[in-house]
Amino acid sequence: MLNYDEKPNFMKSQRISHGMMCQIKLDISTLSEEGYTMIEGTRDARLFQKINMREFPSISNFLGESTQVSDGDFMLIIECAGRPDKIRPGPRWSSYDVYDVLVHGVVRQIFRHNITSLIPCP
């Protein structure tokens, strides 16, 4: 049964763990439902070394070096780095969980909001 109070999101019901291959999701999802910037850019976006979890949402959400990524690029989940301090606990807010990922040979961080196509690695 759908909860009509929130937009359906298959990712909320799927567990993400280290070693999973995933894809970057950029199609119409650069902003959260609440209007916060979840990734910098649109068609060609950039992932950064760190997401500022102490200050998010702010004007300095993304820190360090960046790597250009595109919709559908593959990445390997390393670990869950946590959730920004200003975001409430609970499954409703899981799209704000931050993950360390290996993408294009470097480690970057990404919000769960922009992760799709989970493929468990053997």
PDB file of N, CA and C in Angstrom:
ATOM      1  N   MET A   1       0.836  -1.176   0.000  1.00  0.00           N
ATOM      2  CA  MET A   1       0.000   0.000   0.000  1.00  0.00           C
ATOM      3  C   MET A   1       0.886   1.246   0.000  1.00  0.00           C
ATOM      4  N   LEU A   2       0.592   2.188  -0.851  1.00  0.00           N
ATOM      5  CA  LEU A   2       1.376   3.414  -0.937  1.00  0.00           C
ATOM      6  C   LEU A   2       0.989   4.388   0.163  1.00  0.00           C
ATOM      7  N   ASN A   3       1.973   5.075   0.679  1.00  0.00           N
ATOM      8  CA  ASN A   3       1.742   6.173   1.598  1.00  0.00           C
ATOM      9  C   ASN A   3       1.646   7.423   0.728  1.00  0.00           C
ATOM     10  N   TYR A   4       0.471   7.975   0.591  1.00  0.00           N
ATOM     11  CA  TYR A   4       0.273   9.094  -0.321  1.00  0.00           C
ATOM     12  C   TYR A   4       0.831  10.408   0.209  1.00  0.00           C
ATOM     13  N   ASP A   5       1.344  10.395   1.442  1.00  0.00           N
ATOM     14  CA  ASP A   5       1.955  11.594   1.996  1.00  0.00           C
ATOM     15  C   ASP A   5       3.361  11.817   1.462  1.00  0.00           C
ATOM     16  N   GLU A   6       3.980  10.786   0.910  1.00  0.00           N
ATOM     17  CA  GLU A   6       5.314  10.975   0.345  1.00  0.00           C
ATOM     18  C   GLU A   6       5.412  10.339  -1.023  1.00  0.00           C
ATOM     19  N   LYS A   7       6.322  10.869  -1.801  1.00  0.00           N
ATOM     20  CA  LYS A   7       6.572  10.382  -3.149  1.00  0.00           C
ATOM     21  C   LYS A   7       7.189   8.988  -3.063  1.00  0.00           C
ATOM     22  N   PRO A   8       6.727   8.002  -3.859  1.00  0.00           N
ATOM     23  CA  PRO A   8       7.333   6.673  -3.834  1.00  0.00           C
ATOM     24  C   PRO A   8       8.806   6.731  -4.212  1.00  0.00           C
ATOM     25  N   ASN A   9       9.624   5.972  -3.486  1.00  0.00           N
ATOM     26  CA  ASN A   9      11.061   5.940  -3.754  1.00  0.00           C
ATOM     27  C   ASN A   9      11.549   4.534  -3.426  1.00  0.00           C
ATOM     28  N   PHE A  10      11.814   3.724  -4.462  1.00  0.00           N
ATOM     29  CA  PHE A  10      12.198   2.347  -4.224  1.00  0.00           C
ATOM     30  C   PHE A  10      13.477   2.244  -3.402  1.00  0.00           C
ATOM     31  N   MET A  11      14.324   3.270  -3.451  1.00  0.00           N
ATOM     32  CA  MET A  11      15.589   3.224  -2.721  1.00  0.00           C
ATOM     33  C   MET A  11      15.385   3.234  -1.214  1.00  0.00           C
ATOM     34  N   LYS A  12      14.312   3.820  -0.730  1.00  0.00           N
ATOM     35  CA  LYS A  12      14.082   3.898   0.710  1.00  0.00           C
ATOM     36  C   LYS A  12      13.910   2.515   1.309  1.00  0.00           C
ATOM     37  N   SER A  13      13.409   1.575   0.535  1.00  0.00           N
ATOM     38  CA  SER A  13      13.159   0.245   1.060  1.00  0.00           C
ATOM     39  C   SER A  13      14.334  -0.703   0.844  1.00  0.00           C
ATOM     40  N   GLN A  14      15.367  -0.269   0.139  1.00  0.00           N
ATOM     41  CA  GLN A  14      16.505  -1.140  -0.139  1.00  0.00           C
ATOM     42  C   GLN A  14      17.701  -0.744   0.714  1.00  0.00           C
ATOM     43  N   ARG A  15      18.333  -1.740   1.269  1.00  0.00           N
ATOM     44  CA  ARG A  15      19.504  -1.517   2.094  1.00  0.00           C
ATOM     45  C   ARG A  15      20.739  -1.372   1.205  1.00  0.00           C
ATOM     46  N   ILE A  16      21.573  -0.415   1.531  1.00  0.00           N
ATOM     47  CA  ILE A  16      22.813  -0.212   0.794  1.00  0.00           C
ATOM     48  C   ILE A  16      23.949  -0.629   1.717  1.00  0.00           C
ATOM     49  N   SER A  17      24.865  -1.429   1.208  1.00  0.00           N
ATOM     50  CA  SER A  17      26.003  -1.831   2.038  1.00  0.00           C
ATOM     51  C   SER A  17      27.275  -1.842   1.189  1.00  0.00           C
ATOM     52  N   HIS A  18      28.417  -1.911   1.887  1.00  0.00           N
ATOM     53  CA  HIS A  18      29.697  -1.858   1.174  1.00  0.00           C
ATOM     54  C   HIS A  18      29.804  -3.016   0.194  1.00  0.00           C
ATOM     55  N   GLY A  19      30.483  -2.748  -0.898  1.00  0.00           N
ATOM     56  CA  GLY A  19      30.678  -3.770  -1.920  1.00  0.00           C
ATOM     57  C   GLY A  19      29.610  -3.808  -2.987  1.00  0.00           C
ATOM     58  N   MET A  20      28.575  -2.975  -2.864  1.00  0.00           N
ATOM     59  CA  MET A  20      27.528  -2.963  -3.889  1.00  0.00           C
ATOM     60  C   MET A  20      27.937  -2.045  -5.041  1.00  0.00           C
ATOM     61  N   MET A  21      27.673  -2.504  -6.257  1.00  0.00           N
ATOM     62  CA  MET A  21      27.836  -1.662  -7.441  1.00  0.00           C
ATOM     63  C   MET A  21      26.512  -0.941  -7.656  1.00  0.00           C
ATOM     64  N   CYS A  22      26.583   0.349  -7.877  1.00  0.00           N
ATOM     65  CA  CYS A  22      25.387   1.167  -8.082  1.00  0.00           C
ATOM     66  C   CYS A  22      25.622   2.104  -9.250  1.00  0.00           C
ATOM     67  N   GLN A  23      24.560   2.818  -9.593  1.00  0.00           N
ATOM     68  CA  GLN A  23      24.661   3.838 -10.633  1.00  0.00           C
ATOM     69  C   GLN A  23      24.258   5.187 -10.058  1.00  0.00           C
ATOM     70  N   ILE A  24      24.805   6.237 -10.654  1.00  0.00           N
ATOM     71  CA  ILE A  24      24.476   7.594 -10.258  1.00  0.00           C
ATOM     72  C   ILE A  24      23.183   7.996 -10.950  1.00  0.00           C
ATOM     73  N   LYS A  25      22.275   8.575 -10.171  1.00  0.00           N
ATOM     74  CA  LYS A  25      20.981   9.001 -10.697  1.00  0.00           C
ATOM     75  C   LYS A  25      20.924  10.519 -10.688  1.00  0.00           C
ATOM     76  N   LEU A  26      20.875  11.121 -11.870  1.00  0.00           N
ATOM     77  CA  LEU A  26      20.817  12.577 -11.986  1.00  0.00           C
ATOM     78  C   LEU A  26      19.514  13.070 -12.594  1.00  0.00           C
ATOM     79  N   ASP A  27      18.799  12.207 -13.278  1.00  0.00           N
ATOM     80  CA  ASP A  27      17.583  12.627 -13.970  1.00  0.00           C
ATOM     81  C   ASP A  27      16.585  13.260 -12.996  1.00  0.00           C
ATOM     82  N   ILE A  28      16.363  14.530 -13.153  1.00  0.00           N
ATOM     83  CA  ILE A  28      15.453  15.343 -12.339  1.00  0.00           C
ATOM     84  C   ILE A  28      15.637  15.159 -10.831  1.00  0.00           C
ATOM     85  N   SER A  29      16.829  14.788 -10.389  1.00  0.00           N
ATOM     86  CA  SER A  29      16.987  14.539  -8.961  1.00  0.00           C
ATOM     87  C   SER A  29      18.176  15.277  -8.355  1.00  0.00           C
ATOM     88  N   THR A  30      18.461  16.446  -8.846  1.00  0.00           N
ATOM     89  CA  THR A  30      19.560  17.219  -8.262  1.00  0.00           C
ATOM     90  C   THR A  30      19.109  17.956  -7.004  1.00  0.00           C
ATOM     91  N   LEU A  31      17.788  18.072  -6.804  1.00  0.00           N
ATOM     92  CA  LEU A  31      17.240  18.684  -5.600  1.00  0.00           C
ATOM     93  C   LEU A  31      16.419  17.664  -4.819  1.00  0.00           C
ATOM     94  N   SER A  32      16.427  17.774  -3.496  1.00  0.00           N
ATOM     95  CA  SER A  32      15.590  16.911  -2.665  1.00  0.00           C
ATOM     96  C   SER A  32      14.149  17.394  -2.735  1.00  0.00           C
ATOM     97  N   GLU A  33      13.236  16.623  -2.169  1.00  0.00           N
ATOM     98  CA  GLU A  33      11.835  17.032  -2.122  1.00  0.00           C
ATOM     99  C   GLU A  33      11.681  18.345  -1.370  1.00  0.00           C
ATOM    100  N   GLU A  34      12.589  18.598  -0.434  1.00  0.00           N
ATOM    101  CA  GLU A  34      12.549  19.818   0.367  1.00  0.00           C
ATOM    102  C   GLU A  34      13.254  20.992  -0.317  1.00  0.00           C
ATOM    103  N   GLY A  35      13.861  20.751  -1.488  1.00  0.00           N
ATOM    104  CA  GLY A  35      14.491  21.807  -2.260  1.00  0.00           C
ATOM    105  C   GLY A  35      15.972  22.011  -1.994  1.00  0.00           C
ATOM    106  N   TYR A  36      16.612  21.095  -1.259  1.00  0.00           N
ATOM    107  CA  TYR A  36      18.045  21.208  -0.981  1.00  0.00           C
ATOM    108  C   TYR A  36      18.856  20.640  -2.143  1.00  0.00           C
ATOM    109  N   THR A  37      19.990  21.262  -2.426  1.00  0.00           N
ATOM    110  CA  THR A  37      20.889  20.775  -3.472  1.00  0.00           C
ATOM    111  C   THR A  37      21.552  19.491  -3.001  1.00  0.00           C
ATOM    112  N   MET A  38      21.353  18.410  -3.760  1.00  0.00           N
ATOM    113  CA  MET A  38      21.884  17.103  -3.388  1.00  0.00           C
ATOM    114  C   MET A  38      23.153  16.750  -4.156  1.00  0.00           C
ATOM    115  N   ILE A  39      23.363  17.396  -5.281  1.00  0.00           N
ATOM    116  CA  ILE A  39      24.545  17.156  -6.096  1.00  0.00           C
ATOM    117  C   ILE A  39      24.773  18.417  -6.925  1.00  0.00           C
ATOM    118  N   GLU A  40      26.010  18.749  -7.188  1.00  0.00           N
ATOM    119  CA  GLU A  40      26.292  19.974  -7.934  1.00  0.00           C
ATOM    120  C   GLU A  40      26.301  19.678  -9.419  1.00  0.00           C
ATOM    121  N   GLY A  41      25.444  20.369 -10.162  1.00  0.00           N
ATOM    122  CA  GLY A  41      25.350  20.160 -11.603  1.00  0.00           C
ATOM    123  C   GLY A  41      24.058  19.469 -11.972  1.00  0.00           C
ATOM    124  N   THR A  42      23.880  19.258 -13.274  1.00  0.00           N
ATOM    125  CA  THR A  42      22.666  18.582 -13.740  1.00  0.00           C
ATOM    126  C   THR A  42      23.039  17.377 -14.603  1.00  0.00           C
ATOM    127  N   ARG A  43      23.152  17.551 -15.908  1.00  0.00           N
ATOM    128  CA  ARG A  43      23.520  16.416 -16.777  1.00  0.00           C
ATOM    129  C   ARG A  43      24.908  15.898 -16.466  1.00  0.00           C
ATOM    130  N   ASP A  44      25.863  16.784 -16.395  1.00  0.00           N
ATOM    131  CA  ASP A  44      27.208  16.432 -15.951  1.00  0.00           C
ATOM    132  C   ASP A  44      27.386  17.093 -14.600  1.00  0.00           C
ATOM    133  N   ALA A  45      27.395  16.262 -13.575  1.00  0.00           N
ATOM    134  CA  ALA A  45      27.482  16.768 -12.209  1.00  0.00           C
ATOM    135  C   ALA A  45      28.868  16.504 -11.645  1.00  0.00           C
ATOM    136  N   ARG A  46      29.097  16.988 -10.447  1.00  0.00           N
ATOM    137  CA  ARG A  46      30.376  16.759  -9.785  1.00  0.00           C
ATOM    138  C   ARG A  46      30.146  16.170  -8.403  1.00  0.00           C
ATOM    139  N   LEU A  47      30.939  15.143  -8.093  1.00  0.00           N
ATOM    140  CA  LEU A  47      30.975  14.584  -6.748  1.00  0.00           C
ATOM    141  C   LEU A  47      32.234  15.104  -6.066  1.00  0.00           C
ATOM    142  N   PHE A  48      32.137  15.389  -4.786  1.00  0.00           N
ATOM    143  CA  PHE A  48      33.246  15.968  -4.039  1.00  0.00           C
ATOM    144  C   PHE A  48      33.805  14.986  -3.018  1.00  0.00           C
ATOM    145  N   GLN A  49      35.003  15.323  -2.515  1.00  0.00           N
ATOM    146  CA  GLN A  49      35.636  14.495  -1.493  1.00  0.00           C
ATOM    147  C   GLN A  49      34.770  14.400  -0.255  1.00  0.00           C
ATOM    148  N   LYS A  50      34.150  15.496   0.125  1.00  0.00           N
ATOM    149  CA  LYS A  50      33.349  15.524   1.351  1.00  0.00           C
ATOM    150  C   LYS A  50      32.063  16.307   1.153  1.00  0.00           C
ATOM    151  N   ILE A  51      31.017  15.847   1.821  1.00  0.00           N
ATOM    152  CA  ILE A  51      29.791  16.614   1.985  1.00  0.00           C
ATOM    153  C   ILE A  51      29.829  17.143   3.411  1.00  0.00           C
ATOM    154  N   ASN A  52      29.626  18.413   3.574  1.00  0.00           N
ATOM    155  CA  ASN A  52      29.717  19.062   4.875  1.00  0.00           C
ATOM    156  C   ASN A  52      28.519  18.663   5.742  1.00  0.00           C
ATOM    157  N   MET A  53      28.657  17.562   6.475  1.00  0.00           N
ATOM    158  CA  MET A  53      27.538  17.031   7.242  1.00  0.00           C
ATOM    159  C   MET A  53      27.235  17.850   8.496  1.00  0.00           C
ATOM    160  N   ARG A  54      28.181  18.651   8.947  1.00  0.00           N
ATOM    161  CA  ARG A  54      27.923  19.514  10.109  1.00  0.00           C
ATOM    162  C   ARG A  54      27.041  20.705   9.743  1.00  0.00           C
ATOM    163  N   GLU A  55      27.203  21.231   8.538  1.00  0.00           N
ATOM    164  CA  GLU A  55      26.514  22.462   8.146  1.00  0.00           C
ATOM    165  C   GLU A  55      25.373  22.264   7.140  1.00  0.00           C
ATOM    166  N   PHE A  56      25.274  21.095   6.511  1.00  0.00           N
ATOM    167  CA  PHE A  56      24.239  20.876   5.488  1.00  0.00           C
ATOM    168  C   PHE A  56      22.855  21.105   6.085  1.00  0.00           C
ATOM    169  N   PRO A  57      21.962  21.827   5.451  1.00  0.00           N
ATOM    170  CA  PRO A  57      22.119  22.538   4.190  1.00  0.00           C
ATOM    171  C   PRO A  57      22.718  23.931   4.407  1.00  0.00           C
ATOM    172  N   SER A  58      23.657  24.274   3.552  1.00  0.00           N
ATOM    173  CA  SER A  58      24.307  25.579   3.635  1.00  0.00           C
ATOM    174  C   SER A  58      24.848  25.946   2.257  1.00  0.00           C
ATOM    175  N   ILE A  59      25.542  27.067   2.182  1.00  0.00           N
ATOM    176  CA  ILE A  59      26.127  27.451   0.893  1.00  0.00           C
ATOM    177  C   ILE A  59      27.448  26.736   0.652  1.00  0.00           C
ATOM    178  N   SER A  60      27.944  26.020   1.665  1.00  0.00           N
ATOM    179  CA  SER A  60      29.205  25.275   1.500  1.00  0.00           C
ATOM    180  C   SER A  60      28.980  23.791   1.779  1.00  0.00           C
ATOM    181  N   ASN A  61      28.043  23.199   1.022  1.00  0.00           N
ATOM    182  CA  ASN A  61      27.705  21.784   1.217  1.00  0.00           C
ATOM    183  C   ASN A  61      28.808  20.832   0.772  1.00  0.00           C
ATOM    184  N   PHE A  62      29.557  21.199  -0.259  1.00  0.00           N
ATOM    185  CA  PHE A  62      30.499  20.285  -0.889  1.00  0.00           C
ATOM    186  C   PHE A  62      31.920  20.812  -0.738  1.00  0.00           C
ATOM    187  N   LEU A  63      32.835  19.933  -0.303  1.00  0.00           N
ATOM    188  CA  LEU A  63      34.200  20.341   0.032  1.00  0.00           C
ATOM    189  C   LEU A  63      35.237  19.475  -0.669  1.00  0.00           C
ATOM    190  N   GLY A  64      36.413  20.057  -0.935  1.00  0.00           N
ATOM    191  CA  GLY A  64      37.540  19.305  -1.491  1.00  0.00           C
ATOM    192  C   GLY A  64      37.507  19.207  -3.004  1.00  0.00           C
ATOM    193  N   GLU A  65      38.344  18.303  -3.510  1.00  0.00           N
ATOM    194  CA  GLU A  65      38.429  18.097  -4.958  1.00  0.00           C
ATOM    195  C   GLU A  65      37.151  17.447  -5.464  1.00  0.00           C
ATOM    196  N   SER A  66      36.884  17.638  -6.761  1.00  0.00           N
ATOM    197  CA  SER A  66      35.670  17.078  -7.346  1.00  0.00           C
ATOM    198  C   SER A  66      35.992  16.226  -8.569  1.00  0.00           C
ATOM    199  N   THR A  67      35.027  15.393  -8.919  1.00  0.00           N
ATOM    200  CA  THR A  67      35.122  14.528 -10.088  1.00  0.00           C
ATOM    201  C   THR A  67      33.834  14.659 -10.880  1.00  0.00           C
ATOM    202  N   GLN A  68      33.948  14.858 -12.189  1.00  0.00           N
ATOM    203  CA  GLN A  68      32.772  14.965 -13.035  1.00  0.00           C
ATOM    204  C   GLN A  68      32.157  13.587 -13.240  1.00  0.00           C
ATOM    205  N   VAL A  69      30.834  13.502 -13.099  1.00  0.00           N
ATOM    206  CA  VAL A  69      30.090  12.260 -13.293  1.00  0.00           C
ATOM    207  C   VAL A  69      28.873  12.534 -14.156  1.00  0.00           C
ATOM    208  N   SER A  70      28.331  11.471 -14.718  1.00  0.00           N
ATOM    209  CA  SER A  70      27.137  11.572 -15.557  1.00  0.00           C
ATOM    210  C   SER A  70      26.081  10.603 -15.062  1.00  0.00           C
ATOM    211  N   ASP A  71      24.855  10.849 -15.447  1.00  0.00           N
ATOM    212  CA  ASP A  71      23.756   9.954 -15.109  1.00  0.00           C
ATOM    213  C   ASP A  71      24.072   8.545 -15.597  1.00  0.00           C
ATOM    214  N   GLY A  72      23.949   7.574 -14.722  1.00  0.00           N
ATOM    215  CA  GLY A  72      24.192   6.178 -15.091  1.00  0.00           C
ATOM    216  C   GLY A  72      25.609   5.691 -14.869  1.00  0.00           C
ATOM    217  N   ASP A  73      26.536   6.579 -14.496  1.00  0.00           N
ATOM    218  CA  ASP A  73      27.906   6.136 -14.195  1.00  0.00           C
ATOM    219  C   ASP A  73      27.876   5.130 -13.043  1.00  0.00           C
ATOM    220  N   PHE A  74      28.746   4.132 -13.129  1.00  0.00           N
ATOM    221  CA  PHE A  74      28.824   3.127 -12.074  1.00  0.00           C
ATOM    222  C   PHE A  74      29.757   3.579 -10.963  1.00  0.00           C
ATOM    223  N   MET A  75      29.453   3.116  -9.755  1.00  0.00           N
ATOM    224  CA  MET A  75      30.297   3.394  -8.590  1.00  0.00           C
ATOM    225  C   MET A  75      30.196   2.214  -7.638  1.00  0.00           C
ATOM    226  N   LEU A  76      31.201   2.076  -6.798  1.00  0.00           N
ATOM    227  CA  LEU A  76      31.247   1.014  -5.800  1.00  0.00           C
ATOM    228  C   LEU A  76      31.036   1.642  -4.432  1.00  0.00           C
ATOM    229  N   ILE A  77      30.090   1.115  -3.667  1.00  0.00           N
ATOM    230  CA  ILE A  77      29.828   1.625  -2.322  1.00  0.00           C
ATOM    231  C   ILE A  77      30.942   1.148  -1.391  1.00  0.00           C
ATOM    232  N   ILE A  78      31.562   2.096  -0.697  1.00  0.00           N
ATOM    233  CA  ILE A  78      32.595   1.761   0.281  1.00  0.00           C
ATOM    234  C   ILE A  78      31.961   1.638   1.661  1.00  0.00           C
ATOM    235  N   GLU A  79      31.273   2.704   2.103  1.00  0.00           N
ATOM    236  CA  GLU A  79      30.589   2.658   3.398  1.00  0.00           C
ATOM    237  C   GLU A  79      29.642   3.842   3.521  1.00  0.00           C
ATOM    238  N   CYS A  80      28.741   3.740   4.496  1.00  0.00           N
ATOM    239  CA  CYS A  80      27.875   4.861   4.826  1.00  0.00           C
ATOM    240  C   CYS A  80      28.657   5.776   5.758  1.00  0.00           C
ATOM    241  N   ALA A  81      28.803   7.039   5.369  1.00  0.00           N
ATOM    242  CA  ALA A  81      29.556   8.008   6.166  1.00  0.00           C
ATOM    243  C   ALA A  81      28.682   8.657   7.230  1.00  0.00           C
ATOM    244  N   GLY A  82      27.370   8.564   7.095  1.00  0.00           N
ATOM    245  CA  GLY A  82      26.458   9.125   8.081  1.00  0.00           C
ATOM    246  C   GLY A  82      25.373   9.965   7.453  1.00  0.00           C
ATOM    247  N   ARG A  83      24.767  10.790   8.298  1.00  0.00           N
ATOM    248  CA  ARG A  83      23.683  11.672   7.880  1.00  0.00           C
ATOM    249  C   ARG A  83      23.978  13.064   8.420  1.00  0.00           C
ATOM    250  N   PRO A  84      23.694  14.121   7.650  1.00  0.00           N
ATOM    251  CA  PRO A  84      23.947  15.475   8.147  1.00  0.00           C
ATOM    252  C   PRO A  84      23.295  15.721   9.507  1.00  0.00           C
ATOM    253  N   ASP A  85      23.981  16.487  10.345  1.00  0.00           N
ATOM    254  CA  ASP A  85      23.537  16.740  11.714  1.00  0.00           C
ATOM    255  C   ASP A  85      22.154  17.384  11.789  1.00  0.00           C
ATOM    256  N   LYS A  86      21.804  18.204  10.811  1.00  0.00           N
ATOM    257  CA  LYS A  86      20.532  18.927  10.843  1.00  0.00           C
ATOM    258  C   LYS A  86      19.362  18.127  10.277  1.00  0.00           C
ATOM    259  N   ILE A  87      19.615  16.910   9.831  1.00  0.00           N
ATOM    260  CA  ILE A  87      18.567  16.063   9.258  1.00  0.00           C
ATOM    261  C   ILE A  87      18.123  15.054  10.308  1.00  0.00           C
ATOM    262  N   ARG A  88      16.839  14.900  10.442  1.00  0.00           N
ATOM    263  CA  ARG A  88      16.268  14.020  11.464  1.00  0.00           C
ATOM    264  C   ARG A  88      16.606  12.553  11.220  1.00  0.00           C
ATOM    265  N   PRO A  89      16.623  11.772  12.306  1.00  0.00           N
ATOM    266  CA  PRO A  89      16.776  10.323  12.140  1.00  0.00           C
ATOM    267  C   PRO A  89      15.473   9.715  11.612  1.00  0.00           C
ATOM    268  N   GLY A  90      15.551   8.487  11.152  1.00  0.00           N
ATOM    269  CA  GLY A  90      14.362   7.773  10.698  1.00  0.00           C
ATOM    270  C   GLY A  90      14.375   7.515   9.214  1.00  0.00           C
ATOM    271  N   PRO A  91      13.623   6.512   8.773  1.00  0.00           N
ATOM    272  CA  PRO A  91      13.630   6.093   7.369  1.00  0.00           C
ATOM    273  C   PRO A  91      13.087   7.150   6.405  1.00  0.00           C
ATOM    274  N   ARG A  92      12.221   8.038   6.848  1.00  0.00           N
ATOM    275  CA  ARG A  92      11.675   9.081   5.975  1.00  0.00           C
ATOM    276  C   ARG A  92      12.788   9.957   5.394  1.00  0.00           C
ATOM    277  N   TRP A  93      13.893  10.085   6.111  1.00  0.00           N
ATOM    278  CA  TRP A  93      14.975  10.987   5.720  1.00  0.00           C
ATOM    279  C   TRP A  93      16.194  10.245   5.172  1.00  0.00           C
ATOM    280  N   SER A  94      16.050   8.979   4.812  1.00  0.00           N
ATOM    281  CA  SER A  94      17.194   8.171   4.365  1.00  0.00           C
ATOM    282  C   SER A  94      17.823   8.682   3.068  1.00  0.00           C
ATOM    283  N   SER A  95      17.100   9.462   2.292  1.00  0.00           N
ATOM    284  CA  SER A  95      17.696   9.987   1.052  1.00  0.00           C
ATOM    285  C   SER A  95      18.836  10.958   1.343  1.00  0.00           C
ATOM    286  N   TYR A  96      18.946  11.396   2.615  1.00  0.00           N
ATOM    287  CA  TYR A  96      20.032  12.295   3.015  1.00  0.00           C
ATOM    288  C   TYR A  96      21.253  11.539   3.551  1.00  0.00           C
ATOM    289  N   ASP A  97      21.192  10.216   3.621  1.00  0.00           N
ATOM    290  CA  ASP A  97      22.364   9.447   4.047  1.00  0.00           C
ATOM    291  C   ASP A  97      23.493   9.677   3.048  1.00  0.00           C
ATOM    292  N   VAL A  98      24.711   9.833   3.569  1.00  0.00           N
ATOM    293  CA  VAL A  98      25.882  10.120   2.742  1.00  0.00           C
ATOM    294  C   VAL A  98      26.741   8.855   2.656  1.00  0.00           C
ATOM    295  N   TYR A  99      27.186   8.525   1.448  1.00  0.00           N
ATOM    296  CA  TYR A  99      28.000   7.337   1.221  1.00  0.00           C
ATOM    297  C   TYR A  99      29.352   7.702   0.625  1.00  0.00           C
ATOM    298  N   ASP A 100      30.384   7.006   1.085  1.00  0.00           N
ATOM    299  CA  ASP A 100      31.691   7.057   0.435  1.00  0.00           C
ATOM    300  C   ASP A 100      31.626   6.057  -0.706  1.00  0.00           C
ATOM    301  N   VAL A 101      32.008   6.498  -1.900  1.00  0.00           N
ATOM    302  CA  VAL A 101      31.947   5.635  -3.080  1.00  0.00           C
ATOM    303  C   VAL A 101      33.237   5.750  -3.872  1.00  0.00           C
ATOM    304  N   LEU A 102      33.552   4.696  -4.602  1.00  0.00           N
ATOM    305  CA  LEU A 102      34.673   4.704  -5.536  1.00  0.00           C
ATOM    306  C   LEU A 102      34.087   4.921  -6.923  1.00  0.00           C
ATOM    307  N   VAL A 103      34.449   6.046  -7.546  1.00  0.00           N
ATOM    308  CA  VAL A 103      33.929   6.379  -8.863  1.00  0.00           C
ATOM    309  C   VAL A 103      35.077   6.952  -9.690  1.00  0.00           C
ATOM    310  N   HIS A 104      35.253   6.456 -10.888  1.00  0.00           N
ATOM    311  CA  HIS A 104      36.324   6.913 -11.785  1.00  0.00           C
ATOM    312  C   HIS A 104      37.699   6.851 -11.097  1.00  0.00           C
ATOM    313  N   GLY A 105      37.887   5.839 -10.242  1.00  0.00           N
ATOM    314  CA  GLY A 105      39.185   5.606  -9.612  1.00  0.00           C
ATOM    315  C   GLY A 105      39.497   6.461  -8.398  1.00  0.00           C
ATOM    316  N   VAL A 106      38.531   7.260  -7.923  1.00  0.00           N
ATOM    317  CA  VAL A 106      38.751   8.101  -6.743  1.00  0.00           C
ATOM    318  C   VAL A 106      37.579   7.947  -5.770  1.00  0.00           C
ATOM    319  N   VAL A 107      37.834   8.246  -4.507  1.00  0.00           N
ATOM    320  CA  VAL A 107      36.792   8.171  -3.484  1.00  0.00           C
ATOM    321  C   VAL A 107      36.108   9.531  -3.381  1.00  0.00           C
ATOM    322  N   ARG A 108      34.795   9.508  -3.464  1.00  0.00           N
ATOM    323  CA  ARG A 108      33.983  10.712  -3.353  1.00  0.00           C
ATOM    324  C   ARG A 108      32.778  10.401  -2.462  1.00  0.00           C
ATOM    325  N   GLN A 109      32.003  11.435  -2.120  1.00  0.00           N
ATOM    326  CA  GLN A 109      30.789  11.239  -1.333  1.00  0.00           C
ATOM    327  C   GLN A 109      29.565  11.611  -2.157  1.00  0.00           C
ATOM    328  N   ILE A 110      28.451  10.900  -1.851  1.00  0.00           N
ATOM    329  CA  ILE A 110      27.204  11.115  -2.573  1.00  0.00           C
ATOM    330  C   ILE A 110      26.042  10.846  -1.627  1.00  0.00           C
ATOM    331  N   PHE A 111      24.949  11.581  -1.819  1.00  0.00           N
ATOM    332  CA  PHE A 111      23.728  11.317  -1.057  1.00  0.00           C
ATOM    333  C   PHE A 111      23.015  10.104  -1.628  1.00  0.00           C
ATOM    334  N   ARG A 112      22.335   9.380  -0.754  1.00  0.00           N
ATOM    335  CA  ARG A 112      21.542   8.225  -1.183  1.00  0.00           C
ATOM    336  C   ARG A 112      20.508   8.641  -2.239  1.00  0.00           C
ATOM    337  N   HIS A 113      20.062   9.847  -2.175  1.00  0.00           N
ATOM    338  CA  HIS A 113      19.093  10.405  -3.122  1.00  0.00           C
ATOM    339  C   HIS A 113      19.534  10.210  -4.575  1.00  0.00           C
ATOM    340  N   ASN A 114      20.836  10.195  -4.803  1.00  0.00           N
ATOM    341  CA  ASN A 114      21.367  10.082  -6.161  1.00  0.00           C
ATOM    342  C   ASN A 114      21.976   8.715  -6.459  1.00  0.00           C
ATOM    343  N   ILE A 115      21.547   7.691  -5.729  1.00  0.00           N
ATOM    344  CA  ILE A 115      22.031   6.325  -5.950  1.00  0.00           C
ATOM    345  C   ILE A 115      20.871   5.470  -6.442  1.00  0.00           C
ATOM    346  N   THR A 116      21.126   4.677  -7.477  1.00  0.00           N
ATOM    347  CA  THR A 116      20.110   3.775  -8.007  1.00  0.00           C
ATOM    348  C   THR A 116      20.759   2.485  -8.515  1.00  0.00           C
ATOM    349  N   SER A 117      19.938   1.532  -8.887  1.00  0.00           N
ATOM    350  CA  SER A 117      20.393   0.264  -9.479  1.00  0.00           C
ATOM    351  C   SER A 117      21.411  -0.464  -8.615  1.00  0.00           C
ATOM    352  N   LEU A 118      20.949  -0.968  -7.493  1.00  0.00           N
ATOM    353  CA  LEU A 118      21.841  -1.710  -6.612  1.00  0.00           C
ATOM    354  C   LEU A 118      22.152  -3.082  -7.178  1.00  0.00           C
ATOM    355  N   ILE A 119      23.444  -3.395  -7.236  1.00  0.00           N
ATOM    356  CA  ILE A 119      23.892  -4.699  -7.728  1.00  0.00           C
ATOM    357  C   ILE A 119      24.860  -5.257  -6.695  1.00  0.00           C
ATOM    358  N   PRO A 120      24.470  -6.278  -5.889  1.00  0.00           N
ATOM    359  CA  PRO A 120      25.397  -6.821  -4.903  1.00  0.00           C
ATOM    360  C   PRO A 120      26.584  -7.500  -5.563  1.00  0.00           C
ATOM    361  N   CYS A 121      27.760  -7.278  -5.021  1.00  0.00           N
ATOM    362  CA  CYS A 121      28.962  -7.932  -5.529  1.00  0.00           C
ATOM    363  C   CYS A 121      29.150  -9.250  -4.793  1.00  0.00           C
ATOM    364  N   PRO A 122      29.676 -10.272  -5.481  1.00  0.00           N
ATOM    365  CA  PRO A 122      29.891 -11.577  -4.832  1.00  0.00           C
ATOM    366  C   PRO A 122      30.965 -11.505  -3.759  1.00  0.00           C
TER     367      PRO A 122
END
